[in-house]
Amino acid sequence: MARRKRSKYNYQLCLPPVREGKVARMNVEDALCLYDLPLSELAAKADSARREHAGEKIALCAIVNAKSGRCGQDCKFCAQSARYGAGAAEYPLKPLGELVEAARRAKETGSDHFGIVTSGKRLTAG
């Protein structure tokens, strides 16, 4: 595949510059420039940009699956989707105490953020 001309943006990253703490919007040509990079080059450039703009700090996140299986949605990214037959466990919404305990464990083990995820489009009792 022929590579597109590199973007005019900084470090030839094909990324918009950061101005006053905000990243400028990326246009289609810049996005395609990123798409054309070999994965190893893209990862190296992403790491370089992260180091420049965020330093060495990373944020740790933890999640708990509060309701699993029996999902009527067909999301391509989700292992609980019927399309994959992944055999995901099926259980109703976990009790509040279990969710609070999972959040406590996440905090104790260094997580900066905690999320509760469920199957389905919206929460239901079952």
Protein backbone atom coordinates (compact mmCIF):
# COMPACT_ATOMS: atom_id res chain seq x y z
CA MET A 1 0.00 0.00 0.00
CA ALA A 2 1.36 3.41 -0.91
CA ARG A 3 1.93 5.68 2.04
CA ARG A 4 0.22 9.01 2.09
CA LYS A 5 2.14 12.22 2.51
CA ARG A 6 2.91 12.88 6.15
CA SER A 7 0.88 15.46 8.01
CA LYS A 8 2.10 18.98 8.58
CA TYR A 9 1.76 18.43 12.34
CA ASN A 10 4.49 18.16 14.97
CA TYR A 11 7.02 15.33 15.04
CA GLN A 12 5.56 13.94 11.84
CA LEU A 13 3.15 12.07 14.08
CA CYS A 14 0.19 12.88 11.89
CA LEU A 15 -1.33 14.34 15.04
CA PRO A 16 -2.73 17.82 15.54
CA PRO A 17 -0.72 20.10 17.83
CA VAL A 18 -1.65 20.79 21.44
CA ARG A 19 -2.58 24.42 22.04
CA GLU A 20 -3.43 25.78 25.46
CA GLY A 21 -3.80 22.24 26.81
CA LYS A 22 -6.27 21.19 24.10
CA VAL A 23 -5.57 19.02 21.08
CA ALA A 24 -6.75 20.46 17.76
CA ARG A 25 -9.29 18.36 15.88
CA MET A 26 -7.85 15.77 13.53
CA ASN A 27 -8.93 15.80 9.88
CA VAL A 28 -9.45 12.77 7.63
CA GLU A 29 -6.03 13.05 5.97
CA ASP A 30 -4.30 13.02 9.35
CA ALA A 31 -6.29 9.98 10.48
CA LEU A 32 -5.42 8.15 7.26
CA CYS A 33 -1.76 9.03 7.82
CA LEU A 34 -1.92 7.23 11.16
CA TYR A 35 -3.72 4.30 9.57
CA ASP A 36 -0.91 3.84 7.06
CA LEU A 37 1.89 3.64 9.63
CA PRO A 38 3.37 0.23 10.44
CA LEU A 39 2.12 -0.88 13.86
CA SER A 40 5.56 -0.73 15.49
CA GLU A 41 6.08 2.85 14.24
CA LEU A 42 2.59 3.90 15.33
CA ALA A 43 3.15 2.42 18.83
CA ALA A 44 6.54 4.13 19.18
CA LYS A 45 5.12 7.50 18.09
CA ALA A 46 2.11 7.12 20.39
CA ASP A 47 4.44 6.36 23.30
CA SER A 48 6.56 9.40 22.45
CA ALA A 49 3.48 11.65 22.35
CA ARG A 50 2.24 10.19 25.66
CA ARG A 51 5.58 10.83 27.33
CA GLU A 52 5.68 14.41 26.03
CA HIS A 53 2.14 15.31 27.05
CA ALA A 54 1.44 13.09 30.08
CA GLY A 55 4.85 12.08 31.40
CA GLU A 56 5.35 8.71 33.03
CA LYS A 57 2.12 8.69 35.05
CA ILE A 58 -0.53 6.19 34.09
CA ALA A 59 -4.03 5.80 35.47
CA LEU A 60 -5.11 2.35 36.56
CA CYS A 61 -8.72 1.34 36.05
CA ALA A 62 -10.68 -1.63 37.36
CA ILE A 63 -14.11 -2.89 36.38
CA VAL A 64 -16.59 -5.36 37.76
CA ASN A 65 -19.07 -7.18 35.57
CA ALA A 66 -22.23 -6.60 37.60
CA LYS A 67 -24.63 -8.45 35.28
CA SER A 68 -23.56 -10.98 32.69
CA GLY A 69 -25.14 -12.76 29.76
CA ARG A 70 -28.66 -12.79 28.35
CA CYS A 71 -27.94 -9.63 26.39
CA GLY A 72 -30.33 -8.70 23.60
CA GLN A 73 -27.78 -6.41 21.92
CA ASP A 74 -25.44 -7.67 19.22
CA CYS A 75 -22.33 -5.54 19.77
CA LYS A 76 -19.40 -6.61 17.59
CA PHE A 77 -16.83 -5.76 20.30
CA CYS A 78 -18.45 -7.70 23.15
CA ALA A 79 -17.73 -11.29 24.15
CA GLN A 80 -21.26 -11.48 25.56
CA SER A 81 -22.73 -10.95 22.10
CA ALA A 82 -24.70 -13.93 20.82
CA ARG A 83 -22.67 -13.81 17.59
CA TYR A 84 -19.54 -15.20 19.27
CA GLY A 85 -20.77 -18.09 21.38
CA ALA A 86 -18.02 -17.32 23.89
CA GLY A 87 -19.85 -19.07 26.69
CA ALA A 88 -19.84 -16.01 28.94
CA ALA A 89 -21.25 -16.69 32.38
CA GLU A 90 -24.86 -15.69 32.92
CA TYR A 91 -26.01 -14.13 36.16
CA PRO A 92 -28.41 -11.38 37.28
CA LEU A 93 -27.39 -8.05 38.77
CA LYS A 94 -24.98 -8.58 41.66
CA PRO A 95 -26.00 -7.34 45.11
CA LEU A 96 -24.85 -3.87 46.14
CA GLY A 97 -22.55 -5.28 48.83
CA GLU A 98 -20.56 -7.27 46.24
CA LEU A 99 -20.14 -4.18 44.06
CA VAL A 100 -18.98 -2.07 47.01
CA GLU A 101 -16.50 -4.78 48.02
CA ALA A 102 -15.12 -4.92 44.46
CA ALA A 103 -14.65 -1.13 44.52
CA ARG A 104 -12.87 -1.35 47.88
CA ARG A 105 -10.49 -4.04 46.56
CA ALA A 106 -9.79 -1.96 43.47
CA LYS A 107 -8.86 1.04 45.60
CA GLU A 108 -6.66 -1.08 47.88
CA THR A 109 -4.76 -2.45 44.91
CA GLY A 110 -4.04 0.98 43.45
CA SER A 111 -6.80 1.62 40.93
CA ASP A 112 -7.46 5.28 40.18
CA HIS A 113 -10.86 4.62 38.60
CA PHE A 114 -13.56 1.99 39.03
CA GLY A 115 -16.36 1.09 36.64
CA ILE A 116 -19.40 -1.12 36.89
CA VAL A 117 -20.37 -2.79 33.60
CA THR A 118 -23.48 -4.78 32.76
CA SER A 119 -24.86 -6.69 29.82
CA GLY A 120 -27.76 -5.16 27.95
CA LYS A 121 -28.86 -1.76 26.77
CA ARG A 122 -30.10 -0.61 30.18
CA LEU A 123 -30.29 -1.97 33.71
CA THR A 124 -33.16 -4.28 34.54
CA ALA A 125 -33.81 -6.26 37.69
CA GLY A 126 -33.17 -9.68 36.12
